[in-house]
Amino acid sequence: MNDYIPVVFEVLSDPLNLLLLVGSLIAGIVVGALPGLTVTMALALLLPFTFSMPADTSLIAMGGLYIGGMFGGCISAILINTPGTPSAIATTFDGYPMARSGKSHQAIVTAVLASGIGGIIGALALLFLTPVLSSLSLAFGPPEYFWVAMLGLSMIATLSSGSMLKGLIGGCLGLLLGTIGIAPIGGESRFTFGLAPLVAGLELTVVLIAFFCIPEVLRIVENRVLGERIVYRREKGVVRQMWSRLIRRPFLLLRSSIIGVIVGIIPGAGGNVASIISYDAAVKFSKDKQAFGKGSYEGVAASESANNAEVGGSLVPLLSLGIPGAPPAAIMMGALMIHGITPGPGLFTSQAGLVYTFLWAFLLANVLLIVLGLYFSGPIGRIINIRMDVLIPVIIFLSTIGAFAIRNNFTDVVMMVIIGLGAYLLSKIGFHPAPIVLGLILGPIAEVGLTQSILIGQAKDHVFAFFFTRPVSVVLMVLCALSIAAPLADKWLRSRRGSGQRQGKEEAE
């Protein structure tokens, strides 16, 4: 790698490349902040403009857009409770409660710092550990994907605020919603009711907007708090305050970032899975579990560091094996192939200068993300610091445009309204949206993994062994068991502790 440092320095010191990196980061932040405008869509729109660029310049621009877009999703998640990107789902759990309690600046600063740190850790993993980490991708087959999905679903107990039974029912409802459309294996039509637009299934972004945006708008109207404001003030010392809090919890950021990298390496898992798993781990290891869901900075930090570290992880299998770990990585793979470069095992020998230039640019982009994120938090705050009766029409407009823009289909807008009304009614009887959304995301992954595993196991005449004896599967099964047992054990210990305290008071009296 040292042999290519002069080449890397020459490319990254080019003013045009630096300008493109900064510009693509800013554009990515804006795209990510707007619900419905995905990072994949933005990269696809950028792709034709890279034809005339040198390969290194095009990769720098696309990398900046990817990083900025993943961070930008947290802005709308925190300020208007609408994830700008699917990976920002877990950020809404504590980011929006912080904003409603007048701590929007702290929430944004926490997200910026955690995103930058997570992205830097992901970039370092991409830079130094690609050959080692890429072997993990080869160990994942259908059984492992099934158990990864089961691990995610086992976290419903943690995400269920209040009744665990309602959380389980919500998770089952999410699994049911995930079956709508054509079966991934077999091709049967399920729950489409003869409606052609439902054949392709429910679009995830539409469901996210429906669950996290529509109920909040209806709540504001119902409670007649249209004069309420999301108060966003830039306060002195907030950056130093949140930084000191985060560095006192180094394992929170390190653990979340490592989870993000590992999930990113697994093709198809995505930042939403990484952020939810990381959030669950943060709850389990926190000393203040009761604060989660009510405005905990730890929840924001865990989610944002994980989904930004996932960006680096998703590029590991792309560069080392030629397998994109996420849809945006697939677009970047297309950009490489347009320039006559084939990703895979030989890339680090045939195009080492290009690869190391991109990797160092990727690291630089995450450092710049912290600077730009902190700077642009001011303009963002001035835009959002308006009355709710002004903000609600904007939210409805963005939600409608976001739902329509995914597939240019008005049926998605209708589905958003119907699902949103259903989500509002569910919230009135105590159902939290997180378990439902978790079931929707992980259900298809579990279904494909289960079906493929059964078919392959039958072909090998040992379905049971194929499912339960593979090393990675065993590790994931143990993690599933621990994930289910941990909240139950914690609840039992707290009840024992409470009964002991009551008994002590009675004896004292």
Protein backbone atom coordinates (compact mmCIF):
# COMPACT_ATOMS: atom_id res chain seq x y z
CA MET A 1 0.00 0.00 0.00
CA ASN A 2 2.87 2.41 0.78
CA ASP A 3 3.94 2.29 -2.87
CA TYR A 4 0.69 3.98 -3.91
CA ILE A 5 0.68 6.84 -1.37
CA PRO A 6 2.15 9.36 -3.90
CA VAL A 7 -0.59 8.45 -6.40
CA VAL A 8 -3.27 8.77 -3.70
CA PHE A 9 -1.93 12.16 -2.59
CA GLU A 10 -1.80 13.44 -6.17
CA VAL A 11 -5.42 12.52 -6.88
CA LEU A 12 -6.83 13.74 -3.56
CA SER A 13 -4.95 17.05 -3.74
CA ASP A 14 -6.59 17.85 -7.08
CA PRO A 15 -8.99 20.80 -6.42
CA LEU A 16 -11.60 19.32 -8.79
CA ASN A 17 -11.67 16.02 -6.90
CA LEU A 18 -11.92 17.79 -3.54
CA LEU A 19 -14.72 20.01 -4.85
CA LEU A 20 -16.59 16.98 -6.19
CA LEU A 21 -16.16 15.18 -2.87
CA VAL A 22 -17.57 18.10 -0.87
CA GLY A 23 -20.36 18.73 -3.40
CA SER A 24 -21.41 15.08 -3.51
CA LEU A 25 -21.44 14.90 0.30
CA ILE A 26 -23.75 17.94 0.50
CA ALA A 27 -25.97 16.58 -2.29
CA GLY A 28 -26.15 13.23 -0.49
CA ILE A 29 -27.18 14.90 2.78
CA VAL A 30 -29.99 16.74 0.99
CA VAL A 31 -31.18 13.61 -0.83
CA GLY A 32 -31.05 11.50 2.33
CA ALA A 33 -33.04 14.08 4.28
CA LEU A 34 -35.96 13.95 1.83
CA PRO A 35 -38.21 10.90 2.43
CA GLY A 36 -38.63 8.85 -0.72
CA LEU A 37 -35.44 10.00 -2.44
CA THR A 38 -33.14 7.04 -1.85
CA VAL A 39 -29.36 6.87 -2.05
CA THR A 40 -29.68 4.20 -4.74
CA MET A 41 -31.86 6.51 -6.83
CA ALA A 42 -29.37 9.38 -6.45
CA LEU A 43 -26.43 7.17 -7.44
CA ALA A 44 -28.35 5.88 -10.45
CA LEU A 45 -29.02 9.48 -11.55
CA LEU A 46 -25.34 10.35 -11.08
CA LEU A 47 -24.14 7.30 -13.04
CA PRO A 48 -24.55 8.76 -16.58
CA PHE A 49 -22.52 11.84 -15.58
CA THR A 50 -19.56 9.64 -14.63
CA PHE A 51 -19.10 8.33 -18.18
CA SER A 52 -16.82 11.22 -19.14
CA MET A 53 -14.98 11.33 -15.79
CA PRO A 54 -11.78 9.47 -14.95
CA ALA A 55 -12.47 6.30 -12.97
CA ASP A 56 -10.99 7.66 -9.73
CA THR A 57 -12.98 10.91 -9.96
CA SER A 58 -16.26 9.08 -10.60
CA LEU A 59 -15.69 6.77 -7.62
CA ILE A 60 -14.89 9.74 -5.36
CA ALA A 61 -18.13 11.49 -6.38
CA MET A 62 -20.24 8.34 -5.92
CA GLY A 63 -18.61 7.51 -2.59
CA GLY A 64 -19.34 11.02 -1.26
CA LEU A 65 -22.96 10.79 -2.39
CA TYR A 66 -23.34 7.37 -0.75
CA ILE A 67 -21.89 8.54 2.59
CA GLY A 68 -23.83 11.82 2.65
CA GLY A 69 -27.09 10.08 1.77
CA MET A 70 -26.78 7.53 4.57
CA PHE A 71 -26.22 10.32 7.10
CA GLY A 72 -28.92 12.61 5.67
CA GLY A 73 -31.66 10.14 6.53
CA CYS A 74 -31.28 10.96 10.23
CA ILE A 75 -32.23 14.64 9.74
CA SER A 76 -35.88 14.08 8.89
CA ALA A 77 -35.96 11.09 11.27
CA ILE A 78 -35.04 13.39 14.17
CA LEU A 79 -36.91 16.54 13.20
CA ILE A 80 -40.17 15.25 11.68
CA ASN A 81 -40.20 11.56 12.73
CA THR A 82 -39.93 10.41 9.11
CA PRO A 83 -36.85 8.34 8.18
CA GLY A 84 -35.24 9.90 5.12
CA THR A 85 -33.72 6.49 4.36
CA PRO A 86 -34.74 3.02 5.60
CA SER A 87 -31.49 2.79 7.58
CA ALA A 88 -32.66 5.68 9.81
CA ILE A 89 -35.63 3.72 11.21
CA ALA A 90 -34.01 3.16 14.60
CA THR A 91 -32.96 6.83 14.78
CA THR A 92 -36.62 7.85 15.07
CA PHE A 93 -37.01 5.82 18.27
CA ASP A 94 -35.03 8.35 20.33
CA GLY A 95 -34.15 11.16 17.92
CA TYR A 96 -37.69 12.48 17.55
CA PRO A 97 -38.47 12.31 21.30
CA MET A 98 -35.29 14.34 21.86
CA ALA A 99 -36.46 16.92 19.31
CA ARG A 100 -39.92 17.17 20.87
CA SER A 101 -38.38 17.77 24.29
CA GLY A 102 -36.32 20.69 22.96
CA LYS A 103 -33.09 18.74 22.42
CA SER A 104 -33.08 18.69 18.62
CA HIS A 105 -29.63 20.32 18.47
CA GLN A 106 -28.19 17.69 20.81
CA ALA A 107 -29.82 14.94 18.73
CA ILE A 108 -28.43 16.28 15.44
CA VAL A 109 -24.94 16.79 16.89
CA THR A 110 -25.00 13.27 18.36
CA ALA A 111 -26.05 11.89 14.96
CA VAL A 112 -23.30 13.83 13.16
CA LEU A 113 -20.54 12.71 15.52
CA ALA A 114 -21.74 9.09 15.66
CA SER A 115 -22.16 8.94 11.88
CA GLY A 116 -18.68 10.31 11.31
CA ILE A 117 -17.06 7.97 13.82
CA GLY A 118 -18.99 4.96 12.53
CA GLY A 119 -18.10 5.88 8.96
CA ILE A 120 -14.42 6.27 9.84
CA ILE A 121 -14.38 2.85 11.53
CA GLY A 122 -16.13 1.37 8.49
CA ALA A 123 -13.60 3.04 6.19
CA LEU A 124 -10.67 1.72 8.24
CA ALA A 125 -12.16 -1.77 8.12
CA LEU A 126 -12.55 -1.41 4.36
CA LEU A 127 -8.98 -0.17 4.03
CA PHE A 128 -7.13 -2.65 6.21
CA LEU A 129 -9.36 -5.69 6.72
CA THR A 130 -10.93 -6.28 3.29
CA PRO A 131 -9.08 -9.58 2.55
CA VAL A 132 -9.87 -10.95 6.02
CA LEU A 133 -13.48 -9.80 6.26
CA SER A 134 -14.38 -10.85 2.73
CA SER A 135 -14.04 -14.52 3.71
CA LEU A 136 -17.01 -14.05 6.05
CA SER A 137 -19.29 -13.42 3.07
CA LEU A 138 -18.44 -16.84 1.65
CA ALA A 139 -19.57 -18.51 4.90
CA PHE A 140 -23.11 -17.16 4.51
CA GLY A 141 -25.59 -19.37 2.73
CA PRO A 142 -29.39 -19.63 2.96
CA PRO A 143 -29.39 -21.07 6.53
CA GLU A 144 -27.25 -18.20 7.78
CA TYR A 145 -29.53 -15.62 6.17
CA PHE A 146 -32.49 -17.30 7.86
CA TRP A 147 -30.83 -17.18 11.28
CA VAL A 148 -29.75 -13.55 10.77
CA ALA A 149 -33.41 -12.72 10.14
CA MET A 150 -34.40 -14.73 13.22
CA LEU A 151 -31.82 -12.81 15.25
CA GLY A 152 -33.42 -9.57 14.14
CA LEU A 153 -36.93 -10.83 14.91
CA SER A 154 -35.82 -11.99 18.36
CA MET A 155 -35.23 -8.32 19.18
CA ILE A 156 -38.96 -7.59 19.09
CA ALA A 157 -38.98 -8.13 22.85
CA THR A 158 -36.54 -5.25 23.25
CA LEU A 159 -38.33 -2.95 20.81
CA SER A 160 -41.74 -3.56 22.39
CA SER A 161 -42.38 -0.52 24.56
CA GLY A 162 -44.99 -1.67 27.05
CA SER A 163 -46.71 -4.99 26.34
CA MET A 164 -44.47 -7.74 24.98
CA LEU A 165 -47.59 -9.54 23.72
CA LYS A 166 -48.52 -6.52 21.59
CA GLY A 167 -44.95 -6.43 20.31
CA LEU A 168 -45.17 -10.07 19.21
CA ILE A 169 -48.56 -9.47 17.57
CA GLY A 170 -47.08 -6.44 15.79
CA GLY A 171 -44.13 -8.51 14.59
CA CYS A 172 -46.51 -11.13 13.20
CA LEU A 173 -48.49 -8.39 11.46
CA GLY A 174 -45.26 -7.16 9.86
CA LEU A 175 -44.45 -10.69 8.70
CA LEU A 176 -47.93 -10.89 7.16
CA LEU A 177 -47.47 -7.57 5.32
CA GLY A 178 -44.14 -8.88 4.01
CA THR A 179 -45.89 -11.78 2.25
CA ILE A 180 -48.05 -9.51 0.05
CA GLY A 181 -47.18 -9.93 -3.64
CA ILE A 182 -45.47 -12.64 -5.65
CA ALA A 183 -43.71 -15.34 -3.62
CA PRO A 184 -39.92 -15.00 -4.11
CA ILE A 185 -39.60 -18.75 -4.68
CA GLY A 186 -42.49 -20.44 -6.46
CA GLY A 187 -44.10 -17.32 -7.92
CA GLU A 188 -47.52 -17.68 -6.28
CA SER A 189 -49.61 -14.54 -5.91
CA ARG A 190 -50.43 -13.82 -2.25
CA PHE A 191 -52.93 -11.37 -0.71
CA THR A 192 -53.11 -9.21 -3.84
CA PHE A 193 -56.95 -9.39 -4.03
CA GLY A 194 -56.73 -9.15 -7.80
CA LEU A 195 -55.04 -5.72 -7.67
CA ALA A 196 -52.16 -5.52 -10.15
CA PRO A 197 -50.17 -2.87 -8.18
CA LEU A 198 -49.93 -5.24 -5.21
CA VAL A 199 -48.27 -7.97 -7.27
CA ALA A 200 -44.86 -6.36 -6.69
CA GLY A 201 -45.53 -6.21 -2.94
CA LEU A 202 -45.48 -3.26 -0.56
CA GLU A 203 -42.71 -0.75 -1.18
CA LEU A 204 -40.68 -0.44 2.02
CA THR A 205 -40.28 3.35 1.84
CA VAL A 206 -44.05 3.76 1.45
CA VAL A 207 -44.66 1.64 4.55
CA LEU A 208 -42.03 3.56 6.53
CA ILE A 209 -43.66 6.88 5.67
CA ALA A 210 -47.07 5.44 6.52
CA PHE A 211 -46.00 4.12 9.93
CA PHE A 212 -43.75 6.93 11.09
CA CYS A 213 -45.24 10.04 9.48
CA ILE A 214 -49.02 9.77 8.99
CA PRO A 215 -49.82 8.78 12.63
CA GLU A 216 -47.72 11.69 13.93
CA VAL A 217 -49.55 14.18 11.70
CA LEU A 218 -52.91 12.81 12.87
CA ARG A 219 -51.77 12.94 16.51
CA ILE A 220 -50.89 16.62 16.18
CA VAL A 221 -54.23 17.42 14.55
CA GLU A 222 -56.15 15.35 17.11
CA ASN A 223 -54.47 17.05 20.07
CA ARG A 224 -54.83 20.47 18.42
CA VAL A 225 -51.21 21.39 18.97
CA LEU A 226 -50.79 23.05 15.59
CA GLY A 227 -49.02 25.93 17.27
CA GLU A 228 -46.39 23.56 18.67
CA ARG A 229 -42.87 24.03 17.32
CA ILE A 230 -39.95 21.72 16.94
CA VAL A 231 -37.58 24.01 18.82
CA TYR A 232 -34.14 24.00 17.27
CA ARG A 233 -31.61 26.35 18.78
CA ARG A 234 -27.89 26.27 18.25
CA GLU A 235 -26.57 26.30 21.77
CA LYS A 236 -23.01 27.01 22.79
CA GLY A 237 -21.07 24.05 24.08
CA VAL A 238 -23.41 21.38 22.69
CA VAL A 239 -20.74 19.87 20.41
CA ARG A 240 -18.28 19.65 23.30
CA GLN A 241 -21.00 18.32 25.62
CA MET A 242 -22.15 15.54 23.27
CA TRP A 243 -18.57 14.67 22.32
CA SER A 244 -17.62 14.26 25.99
CA ARG A 245 -20.68 12.05 26.51
CA LEU A 246 -19.81 9.86 23.55
CA ILE A 247 -16.13 9.41 24.43
CA ARG A 248 -17.22 8.32 27.90
CA ARG A 249 -19.07 5.50 26.14
CA PRO A 250 -16.40 4.26 23.69
CA PHE A 251 -17.76 0.72 23.62
CA LEU A 252 -21.17 2.02 22.50
CA LEU A 253 -19.71 3.49 19.30
CA LEU A 254 -17.17 0.70 18.78
CA ARG A 255 -19.74 -2.07 19.26
CA SER A 256 -22.30 -0.38 17.02
CA SER A 257 -19.73 0.30 14.30
CA ILE A 258 -18.47 -3.29 14.35
CA ILE A 259 -22.07 -4.52 14.05
CA GLY A 260 -22.54 -2.17 11.09
CA VAL A 261 -19.40 -3.42 9.35
CA ILE A 262 -20.29 -7.09 9.84
CA VAL A 263 -23.89 -6.62 8.67
CA GLY A 264 -22.64 -4.60 5.68
CA ILE A 265 -20.36 -7.45 4.62
CA ILE A 266 -23.39 -9.76 4.40
CA PRO A 267 -24.88 -9.07 0.94
CA GLY A 268 -28.48 -7.88 1.10
CA ALA A 269 -28.73 -7.27 4.84
CA GLY A 270 -28.63 -3.46 4.68
CA GLY A 271 -28.26 -0.50 7.01
CA ASN A 272 -31.76 -0.89 8.45
CA VAL A 273 -30.87 -4.32 9.84
CA ALA A 274 -27.55 -2.98 11.16
CA SER A 275 -29.16 -0.04 12.95
CA ILE A 276 -31.88 -2.19 14.56
CA ILE A 277 -29.42 -4.84 15.78
CA SER A 278 -27.12 -2.12 17.10
CA TYR A 279 -30.00 -0.33 18.84
CA ASP A 280 -31.04 -3.58 20.49
CA ALA A 281 -27.46 -4.18 21.69
CA ALA A 282 -27.30 -0.62 23.06
CA VAL A 283 -30.47 -1.21 25.10
CA LYS A 284 -29.16 -4.50 26.48
CA PHE A 285 -25.79 -3.05 27.56
CA SER A 286 -27.06 0.31 28.82
CA LYS A 287 -27.27 1.15 32.51
CA ASP A 288 -30.32 3.33 31.81
CA LYS A 289 -32.60 1.04 29.79
CA GLN A 290 -35.73 2.99 30.74
CA ALA A 291 -34.51 6.08 28.86
CA PHE A 292 -34.63 4.35 25.47
CA GLY A 293 -37.63 5.30 23.39
CA LYS A 294 -38.05 8.51 25.40
CA GLY A 295 -35.09 10.50 24.08
CA SER A 296 -31.80 8.70 24.80
CA TYR A 297 -28.71 10.01 23.03
CA GLU A 298 -27.31 6.47 23.24
CA GLY A 299 -30.09 5.21 20.97
CA VAL A 300 -29.32 7.88 18.35
CA ALA A 301 -25.58 7.20 18.55
CA ALA A 302 -26.01 3.42 18.25
CA SER A 303 -28.27 3.64 15.20
CA GLU A 304 -26.25 6.26 13.32
CA SER A 305 -22.80 4.78 13.94
CA ALA A 306 -24.04 1.37 12.78
CA ASN A 307 -25.75 2.43 9.55
CA ASN A 308 -22.80 4.61 8.49
CA ALA A 309 -20.27 1.89 9.31
CA GLU A 310 -22.43 -0.42 7.17
CA VAL A 311 -21.51 1.68 4.12
CA GLY A 312 -17.87 0.63 4.38
CA GLY A 313 -18.84 -2.95 5.14
CA SER A 314 -21.08 -3.17 2.07
CA LEU A 315 -18.11 -2.33 -0.17
CA VAL A 316 -15.90 -5.10 1.25
CA PRO A 317 -17.50 -7.97 -0.75
CA LEU A 318 -17.77 -5.67 -3.80
CA LEU A 319 -14.06 -4.89 -3.97
CA SER A 320 -12.78 -8.29 -2.85
CA LEU A 321 -15.29 -10.71 -4.37
CA GLY A 322 -17.23 -8.68 -6.94
CA ILE A 323 -20.43 -9.12 -4.89
CA PRO A 324 -22.21 -5.87 -3.93
CA GLY A 325 -23.30 -5.88 -0.30
CA ALA A 326 -26.13 -3.37 -0.85
CA PRO A 327 -28.07 -1.80 -3.77
CA PRO A 328 -25.92 1.39 -3.75
CA ALA A 329 -22.82 -0.81 -3.96
CA ALA A 330 -24.35 -2.47 -7.04
CA ILE A 331 -24.60 0.96 -8.72
CA MET A 332 -20.94 1.60 -7.89
CA MET A 333 -20.10 -1.80 -9.35
CA GLY A 334 -21.78 -0.68 -12.57
CA ALA A 335 -19.67 2.49 -12.56
CA LEU A 336 -16.50 0.42 -12.28
CA MET A 337 -17.53 -1.89 -15.13
CA ILE A 338 -18.41 1.10 -17.34
CA HIS A 339 -14.76 2.12 -17.01
CA GLY A 340 -13.62 -1.40 -17.94
CA ILE A 341 -12.74 -2.40 -14.37
CA THR A 342 -14.07 -5.71 -13.04
CA PRO A 343 -14.42 -5.88 -9.23
CA GLY A 344 -13.16 -9.06 -7.64
CA PRO A 345 -10.13 -10.84 -6.22
CA GLY A 346 -7.74 -9.45 -8.85
CA LEU A 347 -8.72 -5.81 -8.33
CA PHE A 348 -6.06 -5.10 -5.69
CA THR A 349 -3.33 -6.23 -8.07
CA SER A 350 -4.57 -4.97 -11.44
CA GLN A 351 -5.96 -1.60 -10.21
CA ALA A 352 -4.25 -1.12 -6.85
CA GLY A 353 -3.65 2.61 -7.34
CA LEU A 354 -7.31 3.25 -8.14
CA VAL A 355 -8.55 1.11 -5.24
CA TYR A 356 -6.33 2.73 -2.61
CA THR A 357 -7.19 6.20 -3.93
CA PHE A 358 -10.88 5.43 -3.48
CA LEU A 359 -10.36 3.91 -0.03
CA TRP A 360 -8.44 6.95 1.27
CA ALA A 361 -11.01 9.28 -0.33
CA PHE A 362 -13.70 7.26 1.45
CA LEU A 363 -11.92 7.84 4.77
CA LEU A 364 -11.51 11.56 4.03
CA ALA A 365 -15.21 11.84 3.14
CA ASN A 366 -16.22 10.56 6.57
CA VAL A 367 -13.96 13.10 8.27
CA LEU A 368 -15.47 15.87 6.12
CA LEU A 369 -18.94 14.57 6.99
CA ILE A 370 -18.44 15.64 10.61
CA VAL A 371 -17.40 19.16 9.57
CA LEU A 372 -20.18 19.60 7.00
CA GLY A 373 -22.81 18.00 9.22
CA LEU A 374 -22.04 20.35 12.11
CA TYR A 375 -21.96 23.38 9.81
CA PHE A 376 -25.22 22.61 8.02
CA SER A 377 -27.09 21.84 11.23
CA GLY A 378 -27.67 25.62 11.50
CA PRO A 379 -29.45 26.10 8.15
CA ILE A 380 -31.39 22.88 8.74
CA GLY A 381 -32.55 24.17 12.11
CA ARG A 382 -33.74 27.48 10.65
CA ILE A 383 -35.82 25.60 8.07
CA ILE A 384 -37.39 23.24 10.59
CA ASN A 385 -37.93 25.79 13.41
CA ILE A 386 -41.42 26.69 12.20
CA ARG A 387 -44.94 26.24 13.53
CA MET A 388 -46.58 22.84 13.18
CA ASP A 389 -49.49 24.28 11.19
CA VAL A 390 -46.92 25.35 8.60
CA LEU A 391 -44.78 22.23 8.87
CA ILE A 392 -47.63 19.69 8.57
CA PRO A 393 -48.54 20.60 4.95
CA VAL A 394 -44.84 20.34 4.10
CA ILE A 395 -44.66 16.90 5.73
CA ILE A 396 -47.77 15.75 3.87
CA PHE A 397 -46.40 17.10 0.59
CA LEU A 398 -43.00 15.42 1.06
CA SER A 399 -44.68 12.18 2.13
CA THR A 400 -46.90 12.16 -0.96
CA ILE A 401 -44.02 12.98 -3.31
CA GLY A 402 -41.81 10.42 -1.56
CA ALA A 403 -44.40 7.65 -1.85
CA PHE A 404 -45.08 8.44 -5.52
CA ALA A 405 -41.44 8.90 -6.57
CA ILE A 406 -40.33 5.37 -5.73
CA ARG A 407 -42.23 3.65 -8.56
CA ASN A 408 -44.10 6.60 -10.16
CA ASN A 409 -47.30 4.85 -9.10
CA PHE A 410 -50.24 6.66 -7.50
CA THR A 411 -51.36 3.37 -5.93
CA ASP A 412 -48.39 3.70 -3.56
CA VAL A 413 -49.83 7.02 -2.35
CA VAL A 414 -53.19 5.34 -1.71
CA MET A 415 -51.46 2.50 0.13
CA MET A 416 -49.53 5.04 2.21
CA VAL A 417 -52.79 6.66 3.33
CA ILE A 418 -54.53 3.32 4.08
CA ILE A 419 -51.56 1.86 5.97
CA GLY A 420 -51.01 5.19 7.74
CA LEU A 421 -54.60 5.24 9.00
CA GLY A 422 -54.20 1.65 10.16
CA ALA A 423 -50.94 2.53 11.92
CA TYR A 424 -52.66 5.44 13.67
CA LEU A 425 -55.47 3.18 14.92
CA LEU A 426 -52.91 0.62 16.11
CA SER A 427 -51.00 3.34 17.99
CA LYS A 428 -54.23 4.30 19.76
CA ILE A 429 -54.48 0.81 21.28
CA GLY A 430 -50.83 0.65 22.31
CA PHE A 431 -49.01 -0.90 19.34
CA HIS A 432 -45.54 0.49 18.61
CA PRO A 433 -44.57 0.63 14.90
CA ALA A 434 -41.02 -0.72 15.39
CA PRO A 435 -41.92 -4.45 15.76
CA ILE A 436 -44.28 -4.24 12.76
CA VAL A 437 -41.65 -2.63 10.54
CA LEU A 438 -39.04 -5.11 11.78
CA GLY A 439 -41.27 -8.01 10.76
CA LEU A 440 -41.86 -6.44 7.35
CA ILE A 441 -38.13 -5.97 6.68
CA LEU A 442 -36.89 -9.33 7.95
CA GLY A 443 -39.82 -11.51 6.89
CA PRO A 444 -38.83 -11.81 3.21
CA ILE A 445 -35.19 -12.47 4.17
CA ALA A 446 -36.28 -15.26 6.52
CA GLU A 447 -38.69 -16.72 3.96
CA VAL A 448 -36.11 -16.91 1.17
CA GLY A 449 -33.47 -18.34 3.51
CA LEU A 450 -35.87 -20.95 4.91
CA THR A 451 -37.21 -22.05 1.52
CA GLN A 452 -33.79 -22.27 -0.11
CA SER A 453 -32.36 -24.13 2.89
CA ILE A 454 -35.15 -26.73 2.78
CA LEU A 455 -34.71 -27.25 -0.97
CA ILE A 456 -30.91 -27.58 -0.71
CA GLY A 457 -31.18 -29.77 2.40
CA GLN A 458 -33.65 -32.10 0.67
CA ALA A 459 -31.29 -32.38 -2.29
CA LYS A 460 -28.51 -33.41 0.12
CA ASP A 461 -30.82 -35.67 2.17
CA HIS A 462 -30.05 -33.90 5.47
CA VAL A 463 -32.26 -30.88 6.03
CA PHE A 464 -31.72 -30.89 9.81
CA ALA A 465 -27.93 -30.97 9.57
CA PHE A 466 -27.93 -28.26 6.89
CA PHE A 467 -29.96 -25.99 9.17
CA PHE A 468 -28.49 -26.63 12.60
CA THR A 469 -24.88 -27.83 12.35
CA ARG A 470 -23.11 -25.22 10.21
CA PRO A 471 -20.69 -23.21 12.42
CA VAL A 472 -22.03 -19.74 11.60
CA SER A 473 -25.61 -20.98 12.02
CA VAL A 474 -24.77 -22.33 15.48
CA VAL A 475 -23.30 -18.97 16.52
CA LEU A 476 -26.38 -17.14 15.25
CA MET A 477 -28.71 -19.57 17.05
CA VAL A 478 -26.87 -18.93 20.33
CA LEU A 479 -27.19 -15.17 19.77
CA CYS A 480 -30.93 -15.62 19.10
CA ALA A 481 -31.34 -17.49 22.37
CA LEU A 482 -29.41 -14.83 24.29
CA SER A 483 -31.40 -12.05 22.63
CA ILE A 484 -34.68 -13.65 23.74
CA ALA A 485 -33.44 -14.56 27.22
CA ALA A 486 -31.79 -11.22 28.07
CA PRO A 487 -34.93 -9.04 28.38
CA LEU A 488 -36.79 -11.83 30.20
CA ALA A 489 -33.90 -12.23 32.66
CA ASP A 490 -33.65 -8.46 33.11
CA LYS A 491 -37.39 -8.23 33.84
CA TRP A 492 -37.15 -11.11 36.35
CA LEU A 493 -34.16 -9.54 38.12
CA ARG A 494 -35.90 -6.16 38.36
CA SER A 495 -39.03 -7.79 39.78
CA ARG A 496 -36.91 -9.68 42.34
CA ARG A 497 -35.07 -6.48 43.22
CA GLY A 498 -38.37 -4.61 43.59
CA SER A 499 -39.91 -7.30 45.80
CA GLY A 500 -36.76 -7.35 47.93
CA GLN A 501 -36.94 -3.59 48.44
CA ARG A 502 -40.63 -3.78 49.39
CA GLN A 503 -39.91 -6.59 51.84
CA GLY A 504 -37.10 -4.54 53.40
CA LYS A 505 -39.42 -1.56 53.89
CA GLU A 506 -42.07 -3.77 55.51
CA GLU A 507 -39.50 -5.24 57.93
CA ALA A 508 -38.23 -1.75 58.78
CA GLU A 509 -41.76 -0.65 59.59
